[in-house]
């Protein structure tokens, strides 16, 4: 029987767990260095003791930037089979994390199927499940009942839970004094704020934080401290409400670490591009180096239908400055529940952002992939290029749809292709743009 409670507890006792060994191997990092980072709280390995199908990943300082995919059933789109199809596709696309954001009905069936089949880490927002779990209106749910939902998710094997603990009464006062265009856009945050207002009570997750830590410690659930006051427009970014809540999250981080509970901090949604670096610095400073998990951030509010692009821009910048975990955004953001194709586009955009950031961060081996692609391009080795592509299907299709006269070119440049001509010139050959090749 293990003589530790959580990955952080093991790390602080000098114990190397099997999860640490797996993550160290994936990251090409010395396992003792990894253990030290986990002990400090700068890296987390979300690994619920009941998630038996998990292939663990690390999130945090010095590691590859990970991405999360949001899935789940809603009242307007209640189709478990379609969501499970998305899960299978997301896993095939090698995502490291899936969050079940199901918000309608008895969600346990989908959640359990997801956990049983997924080697990726699984996160949830228990607040979404509470209304359906008890079949009660929000204001009628008790503090104790909220905690029981968290415990149920932990028992089922969820690796990390997002809970909006930082929107306490003190933060709420700051929010009320400092007007925004978009108020509180976090779904979970708005629900907990509404509950507080309707019941004239303190946030139950803040009031009973120690009891929450009991649950996380027992199952080794990583606590993802949600940002209820994350900005929903670039106008609201880096304002008093957001920073006040971040300060509270920093204090809660220290309390969690005292119990050896692993912590991630969730970050902004919409941030002007020139404020991203400062936001990462503030999180790392105020939250003591805990891993930073960002939604995007989306860098402009004018592009509905293209927010996988606006978020990939922000995600690449955020991660290059030290953010550790990117929540993907799809073209359907703000518009509808994503389709399978929406999800695919969101995953690819987030993976590109994460990889670009890893090159900037100097993550070991990240640039090797790009170098191999560059060599294949110079060799005009189309098949190798397709194999190396982050999405092999699309470039292969583009090539097939528009085949050139000469195989050593494409229909953009033809025989004026720089790669083709430089290869010939460097080999002492004539390039023969107008004539047929010898």
Protein backbone atom coordinates (compact mmCIF):
# COMPACT_ATOMS: atom_id res chain seq x y z
CA UNK A 1 0.00 0.00 0.00
CA UNK A 2 1.35 3.42 -1.00
CA UNK A 3 2.60 5.51 1.90
CA UNK A 4 1.65 8.78 0.29
CA UNK A 5 -1.66 10.51 -0.41
CA UNK A 6 -1.00 12.60 -3.53
CA UNK A 7 1.69 13.09 -6.15
CA UNK A 8 2.79 16.20 -4.24
CA UNK A 9 2.94 14.29 -0.96
CA UNK A 10 5.06 11.58 -2.61
CA UNK A 11 7.37 14.17 -4.17
CA UNK A 12 7.89 15.91 -0.83
CA UNK A 13 8.73 12.57 0.78
CA UNK A 14 11.32 11.84 -1.91
CA UNK A 15 9.20 9.08 -3.46
CA UNK A 16 9.28 8.57 -7.24
CA UNK A 17 5.85 7.35 -8.35
CA UNK A 18 5.15 5.37 -11.52
CA UNK A 19 3.35 8.45 -12.85
CA UNK A 20 6.48 10.55 -12.35
CA UNK A 21 8.57 7.97 -14.19
CA UNK A 22 6.17 7.97 -17.15
CA UNK A 23 6.03 11.76 -17.35
CA UNK A 24 9.81 12.12 -17.01
CA UNK A 25 10.24 9.71 -19.91
CA UNK A 26 7.81 11.62 -22.12
CA UNK A 27 9.42 14.96 -21.29
CA UNK A 28 13.04 13.73 -21.54
CA UNK A 29 13.56 15.20 -18.07
CA UNK A 30 15.53 13.82 -15.14
CA UNK A 31 12.98 12.23 -12.83
CA UNK A 32 14.54 13.78 -9.73
CA UNK A 33 14.20 17.23 -11.29
CA UNK A 34 10.57 16.48 -12.07
CA UNK A 35 9.97 15.25 -8.52
CA UNK A 36 11.43 18.49 -7.14
CA UNK A 37 9.18 20.63 -9.37
CA UNK A 38 6.12 18.68 -8.19
CA UNK A 39 7.20 19.12 -4.57
CA UNK A 40 7.38 22.87 -5.14
CA UNK A 41 3.96 22.96 -6.81
CA UNK A 42 5.40 24.17 -10.13
CA UNK A 43 4.36 20.96 -11.91
CA UNK A 44 1.24 18.85 -11.43
CA UNK A 45 0.40 15.33 -12.58
CA UNK A 46 -3.41 15.13 -12.50
CA UNK A 47 -3.93 11.44 -11.77
CA UNK A 48 -6.99 10.37 -9.79
CA UNK A 49 -6.41 7.06 -8.02
CA UNK A 50 -9.62 5.73 -9.61
CA UNK A 51 -8.74 6.64 -13.22
CA UNK A 52 -7.25 3.27 -14.15
CA UNK A 53 -7.00 3.90 -17.93
CA UNK A 54 -4.91 7.06 -17.49
CA UNK A 55 -1.66 7.61 -19.38
CA UNK A 56 -0.37 10.41 -17.14
CA UNK A 57 0.88 13.80 -18.30
CA UNK A 58 2.63 16.58 -16.46
CA UNK A 59 1.63 20.23 -16.61
CA UNK A 60 3.95 23.01 -15.58
CA UNK A 61 7.40 24.54 -15.64
CA UNK A 62 9.88 23.10 -18.14
CA UNK A 63 7.35 20.70 -19.71
CA UNK A 64 5.69 20.65 -23.12
CA UNK A 65 2.63 22.89 -23.34
CA UNK A 66 -0.47 20.71 -23.03
CA UNK A 67 -3.92 21.30 -24.52
CA UNK A 68 -7.40 20.59 -23.22
CA UNK A 69 -10.55 19.84 -25.22
CA UNK A 70 -13.99 20.75 -23.87
CA UNK A 71 -16.81 18.29 -24.60
CA UNK A 72 -20.11 17.32 -23.03
CA UNK A 73 -23.88 17.14 -23.40
CA UNK A 74 -26.28 20.07 -23.11
CA UNK A 75 -30.06 20.41 -23.00
CA UNK A 76 -30.26 21.61 -26.60
CA UNK A 77 -27.84 18.95 -27.89
CA UNK A 78 -28.41 15.88 -25.75
CA UNK A 79 -26.68 13.15 -27.72
CA UNK A 80 -24.26 10.96 -25.78
CA UNK A 81 -23.24 8.94 -28.84
CA UNK A 82 -22.18 12.06 -30.76
CA UNK A 83 -20.15 13.31 -27.82
CA UNK A 84 -18.45 9.91 -27.47
CA UNK A 85 -17.57 10.08 -31.18
CA UNK A 86 -15.88 13.40 -30.47
CA UNK A 87 -14.05 11.82 -27.54
CA UNK A 88 -12.68 9.04 -29.76
CA UNK A 89 -11.55 11.53 -32.39
CA UNK A 90 -9.92 13.80 -29.81
CA UNK A 91 -8.02 10.83 -28.38
CA UNK A 92 -6.93 9.81 -31.89
CA UNK A 93 -5.59 13.35 -32.29
CA UNK A 94 -3.45 12.83 -29.18
CA UNK A 95 -4.93 15.50 -26.92
CA UNK A 96 -3.60 15.38 -23.37
CA UNK A 97 -6.80 16.42 -21.58
CA UNK A 98 -10.57 16.35 -21.98
CA UNK A 99 -12.99 18.35 -19.85
CA UNK A 100 -16.53 17.05 -19.52
CA UNK A 101 -18.64 20.20 -19.36
CA UNK A 102 -21.97 18.36 -19.44
CA UNK A 103 -24.66 20.62 -18.08
CA UNK A 104 -27.96 18.80 -18.42
CA UNK A 105 -29.66 15.73 -17.04
CA UNK A 106 -28.03 12.79 -15.35
CA UNK A 107 -24.48 13.23 -16.59
CA UNK A 108 -22.96 10.27 -14.75
CA UNK A 109 -23.39 7.85 -17.68
CA UNK A 110 -21.35 10.00 -20.05
CA UNK A 111 -18.75 10.88 -17.43
CA UNK A 112 -18.12 7.26 -16.47
CA UNK A 113 -17.85 6.12 -20.10
CA UNK A 114 -15.43 8.96 -20.75
CA UNK A 115 -13.20 8.11 -17.79
CA UNK A 116 -13.20 4.38 -18.55
CA UNK A 117 -12.12 4.86 -22.19
CA UNK A 118 -9.75 7.81 -21.85
CA UNK A 119 -5.97 7.63 -21.41
CA UNK A 120 -6.09 11.45 -21.40
CA UNK A 121 -6.62 13.24 -18.10
CA UNK A 122 -10.24 14.16 -17.39
CA UNK A 123 -11.52 17.37 -15.85
CA UNK A 124 -15.00 18.51 -14.86
CA UNK A 125 -16.82 21.50 -13.44
CA UNK A 126 -19.01 19.90 -10.73
CA UNK A 127 -21.05 23.11 -10.45
CA UNK A 128 -22.60 22.36 -13.86
CA UNK A 129 -23.79 18.98 -12.66
CA UNK A 130 -25.37 20.08 -9.39
CA UNK A 131 -28.75 21.24 -10.71
CA UNK A 132 -29.34 18.02 -12.66
CA UNK A 133 -27.83 15.81 -9.97
CA UNK A 134 -30.34 16.97 -7.36
CA UNK A 135 -33.12 18.04 -9.73
CA UNK A 136 -33.32 21.28 -7.77
CA UNK A 137 -33.25 24.95 -8.69
CA UNK A 138 -29.87 26.54 -8.08
CA UNK A 139 -30.87 28.61 -5.05
CA UNK A 140 -32.25 25.53 -3.26
CA UNK A 141 -29.00 23.55 -3.32
CA UNK A 142 -27.16 23.53 0.01
CA UNK A 143 -23.45 24.01 0.61
CA UNK A 144 -23.16 20.41 1.71
CA UNK A 145 -24.84 19.21 -1.47
CA UNK A 146 -22.35 21.12 -3.63
CA UNK A 147 -19.49 19.34 -1.85
CA UNK A 148 -21.18 15.96 -2.34
CA UNK A 149 -21.23 16.51 -6.10
CA UNK A 150 -17.49 17.21 -6.03
CA UNK A 151 -16.98 14.03 -4.04
CA UNK A 152 -19.05 12.05 -6.54
CA UNK A 153 -16.89 13.28 -9.42
CA UNK A 154 -13.76 12.40 -7.46
CA UNK A 155 -15.07 8.88 -6.75
CA UNK A 156 -15.81 8.43 -10.46
CA UNK A 157 -12.14 9.09 -11.29
CA UNK A 158 -11.99 12.73 -12.43
CA UNK A 159 -8.36 13.90 -12.46
CA UNK A 160 -8.96 17.62 -11.95
CA UNK A 161 -11.95 19.74 -11.01
CA UNK A 162 -12.55 23.37 -11.85
CA UNK A 163 -14.09 25.17 -8.90
CA UNK A 164 -14.64 28.91 -8.70
CA UNK A 165 -13.45 29.36 -5.15
CA UNK A 166 -12.01 32.86 -5.55
CA UNK A 167 -15.31 34.65 -6.14
CA UNK A 168 -15.93 35.13 -2.41
CA UNK A 169 -17.86 37.97 -0.82
CA UNK A 170 -14.78 40.18 -0.78
CA UNK A 171 -14.16 39.65 -4.51
CA UNK A 172 -17.85 40.18 -5.22
CA UNK A 173 -17.67 43.63 -3.59
CA UNK A 174 -14.80 44.59 -5.88
CA UNK A 175 -16.76 43.32 -8.88
CA UNK A 176 -19.81 45.41 -7.93
CA UNK A 177 -17.74 48.56 -7.52
CA UNK A 178 -15.93 48.17 -10.85
CA UNK A 179 -18.31 48.04 -13.79
CA UNK A 180 -17.58 45.90 -16.83
CA UNK A 181 -19.07 45.55 -20.28
CA UNK A 182 -19.55 41.81 -19.86
CA UNK A 183 -20.03 41.29 -16.12
CA UNK A 184 -19.17 37.64 -15.21
CA UNK A 185 -18.85 35.46 -18.30
CA UNK A 186 -17.63 32.29 -16.62
CA UNK A 187 -20.59 29.89 -16.62
CA UNK A 188 -19.58 28.27 -13.33
CA UNK A 189 -18.57 31.61 -11.88
CA UNK A 190 -21.88 33.23 -12.77
CA UNK A 191 -23.79 30.32 -11.21
CA UNK A 192 -21.90 30.49 -7.93
CA UNK A 193 -22.23 34.30 -7.85
CA UNK A 194 -25.98 33.97 -8.45
CA UNK A 195 -26.25 31.40 -5.64
CA UNK A 196 -24.42 33.76 -3.28
CA UNK A 197 -26.73 36.64 -4.16
CA UNK A 198 -29.92 34.57 -3.96
CA UNK A 199 -29.01 33.10 -0.58
CA UNK A 200 -27.04 36.02 0.87
CA UNK A 201 -24.28 33.52 1.71
CA UNK A 202 -20.57 33.11 1.27
CA UNK A 203 -19.33 31.02 -1.66
CA UNK A 204 -19.69 27.46 -0.29
CA UNK A 205 -16.45 26.29 -1.91
CA UNK A 206 -14.59 29.13 -0.20
CA UNK A 207 -16.39 28.73 3.14
CA UNK A 208 -15.77 24.98 3.20
CA UNK A 209 -12.41 24.98 1.46
CA UNK A 210 -10.86 22.63 4.02
CA UNK A 211 -13.60 20.06 3.39
CA UNK A 212 -12.96 20.45 -0.33
CA UNK A 213 -9.27 19.75 0.26
CA UNK A 214 -10.23 16.59 2.18
CA UNK A 215 -11.86 15.25 -1.00
CA UNK A 216 -8.98 16.26 -3.26
CA UNK A 217 -6.41 14.72 -0.93
CA UNK A 218 -8.28 11.42 -0.60
CA UNK A 219 -8.52 10.79 -4.35
CA UNK A 220 -5.54 12.89 -5.50
CA UNK A 221 -7.74 15.22 -7.51
CA UNK A 222 -5.88 18.25 -8.79
CA UNK A 223 -7.67 21.46 -7.89
CA UNK A 224 -8.02 23.74 -10.89
CA UNK A 225 -8.85 27.08 -9.32
CA UNK A 226 -11.30 28.67 -11.74
CA UNK A 227 -11.40 32.34 -12.62
CA UNK A 228 -15.00 33.44 -12.22
CA UNK A 229 -13.94 37.00 -13.02
CA UNK A 230 -12.01 36.17 -16.16
CA UNK A 231 -12.60 38.89 -18.75
CA UNK A 232 -15.16 38.19 -21.46
CA UNK A 233 -13.99 41.10 -23.58
CA UNK A 234 -10.67 42.81 -24.09
CA UNK A 235 -12.18 45.90 -22.44
CA UNK A 236 -12.54 43.99 -19.16
CA UNK A 237 -9.06 42.46 -19.23
CA UNK A 238 -6.59 42.91 -16.37
CA UNK A 239 -9.15 44.86 -14.35
CA UNK A 240 -9.72 45.11 -10.60
CA UNK A 241 -12.10 42.13 -10.42
CA UNK A 242 -9.76 39.80 -12.28
CA UNK A 243 -6.70 40.76 -10.25
CA UNK A 244 -8.55 40.70 -6.92
CA UNK A 245 -9.70 37.16 -7.60
CA UNK A 246 -6.18 36.15 -8.68
CA UNK A 247 -4.85 37.36 -5.33
CA UNK A 248 -7.42 35.20 -3.52
CA UNK A 249 -6.42 32.21 -5.67
CA UNK A 250 -2.81 32.72 -4.63
CA UNK A 251 -3.77 32.51 -0.96
CA UNK A 252 -5.87 29.40 -1.61
CA UNK A 253 -2.94 27.81 -3.44
CA UNK A 254 -0.81 28.00 -0.32
CA UNK A 255 -3.60 26.47 1.77
CA UNK A 256 -3.95 23.60 -0.71
CA UNK A 257 -0.21 22.97 -0.75
CA UNK A 258 -0.22 22.70 3.03
CA UNK A 259 -2.43 19.64 2.48
CA UNK A 260 -0.31 18.34 -0.43
CA UNK A 261 -3.16 19.00 -2.87
CA UNK A 262 -1.97 19.77 -6.41
CA UNK A 263 -3.13 23.08 -7.86
CA UNK A 264 -3.51 24.72 -11.27
CA UNK A 265 -4.66 28.30 -11.78
CA UNK A 266 -7.10 29.13 -14.55
CA UNK A 267 -6.50 32.29 -16.50
CA UNK A 268 -8.15 34.89 -18.70
CA UNK A 269 -10.37 34.36 -21.69
CA UNK A 270 -10.22 37.69 -23.56
CA UNK A 271 -7.05 39.79 -23.25
CA UNK A 272 -5.54 42.44 -25.51
CA UNK A 273 -2.40 41.10 -27.13
CA UNK A 274 -0.14 43.62 -25.39
CA UNK A 275 -1.39 42.53 -21.93
CA UNK A 276 -0.75 38.79 -22.25
CA UNK A 277 2.83 38.74 -21.00
CA UNK A 278 1.88 40.80 -17.95
CA UNK A 279 -0.99 38.43 -17.14
CA UNK A 280 1.32 35.42 -17.14
CA UNK A 281 3.81 37.28 -14.94
CA UNK A 282 1.05 38.25 -12.47
CA UNK A 283 -0.24 34.69 -12.22
CA UNK A 284 3.19 33.19 -11.67
CA UNK A 285 4.02 35.86 -9.07
CA UNK A 286 0.74 35.99 -7.15
CA UNK A 287 0.15 32.23 -7.30
CA UNK A 288 3.70 31.22 -6.39
CA UNK A 289 4.65 29.51 -9.66
CA UNK A 290 1.62 27.21 -9.85
CA UNK A 291 0.88 25.96 -13.39
CA UNK A 292 -1.18 28.40 -15.46
CA UNK A 293 -4.17 27.15 -17.52
CA UNK A 294 -5.56 29.68 -20.00
CA UNK A 295 -8.70 29.77 -22.16
CA UNK A 296 -7.17 31.11 -25.34
CA UNK A 297 -6.69 33.91 -24.50
CA UNK A 298 -8.78 35.46 -27.26
CA UNK A 299 -7.03 38.63 -28.47
CA UNK A 300 -9.89 40.39 -30.25
CA UNK A 301 -13.67 40.29 -29.91
CA UNK A 302 -14.63 40.82 -33.56
CA UNK A 303 -14.22 37.33 -35.02
CA UNK A 304 -17.13 35.00 -34.19
CA UNK A 305 -16.67 31.91 -36.31
CA UNK A 306 -12.89 32.33 -36.23
CA UNK A 307 -12.14 32.30 -32.52
CA UNK A 308 -9.96 29.20 -32.93
CA UNK A 309 -7.60 31.65 -34.68
CA UNK A 310 -7.94 34.54 -32.22
CA UNK A 311 -7.31 32.11 -29.36
CA UNK A 312 -4.37 30.38 -31.04
CA UNK A 313 -2.66 33.75 -31.40
CA UNK A 314 -3.15 34.47 -27.72
CA UNK A 315 -2.33 30.93 -26.64
CA UNK A 316 1.00 30.90 -28.46
CA UNK A 317 2.01 34.21 -26.89
CA UNK A 318 0.81 33.21 -23.41
CA UNK A 319 2.57 29.85 -23.48
CA UNK A 320 5.78 31.35 -24.87
CA UNK A 321 5.85 33.58 -21.78
CA UNK A 322 5.21 30.71 -19.37
CA UNK A 323 1.57 29.57 -19.50
CA UNK A 324 1.53 25.78 -19.22
CA UNK A 325 -1.86 24.53 -20.38
CA UNK A 326 -4.07 25.79 -23.22
CA UNK A 327 -7.81 25.22 -23.33
CA UNK A 328 -8.74 24.92 -26.97
CA UNK A 329 -11.31 27.23 -28.53
CA UNK A 330 -13.33 26.18 -31.58
CA UNK A 331 -14.83 28.21 -34.45
CA UNK A 332 -18.18 27.70 -32.67
CA UNK A 333 -17.13 29.65 -29.55
CA UNK A 334 -19.95 31.99 -28.42
CA UNK A 335 -22.23 30.51 -31.13
CA UNK A 336 -23.20 26.85 -30.57
CA UNK A 337 -22.13 23.47 -29.22
CA UNK A 338 -19.15 22.51 -31.42
CA UNK A 339 -19.59 19.86 -34.09
CA UNK A 340 -17.00 17.16 -34.74
CA UNK A 341 -15.38 19.32 -37.44
CA UNK A 342 -15.42 22.37 -35.15
CA UNK A 343 -13.63 20.32 -32.53
CA UNK A 344 -10.99 19.14 -35.00
CA UNK A 345 -10.24 22.71 -36.10
CA UNK A 346 -10.01 23.84 -32.49
CA UNK A 347 -7.62 21.02 -31.60
CA UNK A 348 -5.30 21.69 -34.54
CA UNK A 349 -5.22 25.44 -33.79
CA UNK A 350 -4.40 24.82 -30.13
CA UNK A 351 -1.75 22.21 -30.96
CA UNK A 352 -0.07 24.63 -33.36
CA UNK A 353 -0.08 27.33 -30.67
CA UNK A 354 1.35 24.94 -28.07
CA UNK A 355 4.11 23.70 -30.35
CA UNK A 356 5.06 27.21 -31.47
CA UNK A 357 5.32 28.24 -27.82
CA UNK A 358 7.45 25.21 -26.97
CA UNK A 359 9.97 26.25 -29.61
CA UNK A 360 10.07 29.72 -28.04
CA UNK A 361 10.44 28.25 -24.55
CA UNK A 362 13.31 26.03 -25.68
CA UNK A 363 11.56 22.80 -24.72
CA UNK A 364 13.92 19.91 -25.41
CA UNK A 365 13.34 18.35 -28.82
CA UNK A 366 10.53 20.72 -29.87
CA UNK A 367 12.42 22.24 -32.83
CA UNK A 368 13.50 18.83 -34.17
CA UNK A 369 10.07 18.29 -35.72
CA UNK A 370 10.34 21.57 -37.65
CA UNK A 371 13.85 20.75 -38.83
CA UNK A 372 12.67 17.41 -40.22
CA UNK A 373 9.84 19.15 -42.09
CA UNK A 374 12.26 21.73 -43.50
CA UNK A 375 14.54 18.97 -44.79
CA UNK A 376 11.60 17.17 -46.42
CA UNK A 377 10.56 20.42 -48.11
CA UNK A 378 14.04 21.03 -49.49
CA UNK A 379 14.08 17.46 -50.80
CA UNK A 380 10.60 17.94 -52.30
CA UNK A 381 9.64 14.74 -50.49
CA UNK A 382 5.90 15.16 -50.48
CA UNK A 383 5.07 11.92 -48.69
CA UNK A 384 7.51 12.71 -45.87
CA UNK A 385 5.97 16.19 -45.56
CA UNK A 386 2.51 14.69 -45.22
CA UNK A 387 3.70 12.23 -42.60
CA UNK A 388 5.31 15.00 -40.56
CA UNK A 389 2.35 17.40 -40.84
CA UNK A 390 0.38 18.14 -37.67
CA UNK A 391 -2.70 17.24 -39.76
CA UNK A 392 -1.61 14.87 -42.58
CA UNK A 393 -5.08 14.67 -44.13
CA UNK A 394 -5.43 18.30 -45.25
CA UNK A 395 -2.10 18.82 -47.07
CA UNK A 396 -2.46 15.44 -48.75
CA UNK A 397 -5.92 16.46 -49.99
CA UNK A 398 -4.71 19.87 -51.20
CA UNK A 399 -1.91 18.26 -53.19
CA UNK A 400 -4.26 15.70 -54.74
CA UNK A 401 -6.82 18.36 -55.71
CA UNK A 402 -4.27 20.42 -57.66
CA UNK A 403 -1.50 18.31 -59.16
CA UNK A 404 1.28 20.12 -61.07
CA UNK A 405 2.71 19.23 -64.46
CA UNK A 406 6.02 18.31 -62.80
CA UNK A 407 6.17 16.27 -59.60
CA UNK A 408 9.06 18.30 -58.19
CA UNK A 409 6.89 21.43 -57.85
CA UNK A 410 3.36 22.54 -56.97
CA UNK A 411 0.73 24.49 -58.89
CA UNK A 412 1.69 27.72 -57.09
CA UNK A 413 5.18 28.09 -58.58
CA UNK A 414 5.54 25.30 -61.12
CA UNK A 415 9.06 25.20 -62.56
CA UNK A 416 9.87 28.48 -60.79
CA UNK A 417 9.82 26.60 -57.47
CA UNK A 418 12.74 27.85 -55.38
CA UNK A 419 13.35 24.46 -53.77
CA UNK A 420 13.46 22.70 -57.16
CA UNK A 421 15.69 25.29 -58.78
CA UNK A 422 18.12 25.65 -55.90
CA UNK A 423 18.52 21.87 -55.76
CA UNK A 424 19.40 21.87 -59.46
CA UNK A 425 21.75 24.86 -59.30
CA UNK A 426 23.53 23.53 -56.21
CA UNK A 427 24.04 20.26 -58.12
CA UNK A 428 25.50 22.15 -61.11
CA UNK A 429 22.47 21.61 -63.36
CA UNK A 430 20.49 23.94 -65.61
CA UNK A 431 17.10 24.90 -64.17
CA UNK A 432 15.25 24.87 -67.54
CA UNK A 433 12.24 27.01 -66.68
CA UNK A 434 10.94 27.43 -70.28
CA UNK A 435 12.43 24.32 -71.88
CA UNK A 436 11.79 20.71 -71.05
CA UNK A 437 14.33 19.18 -68.69
CA UNK A 438 17.25 17.38 -70.27
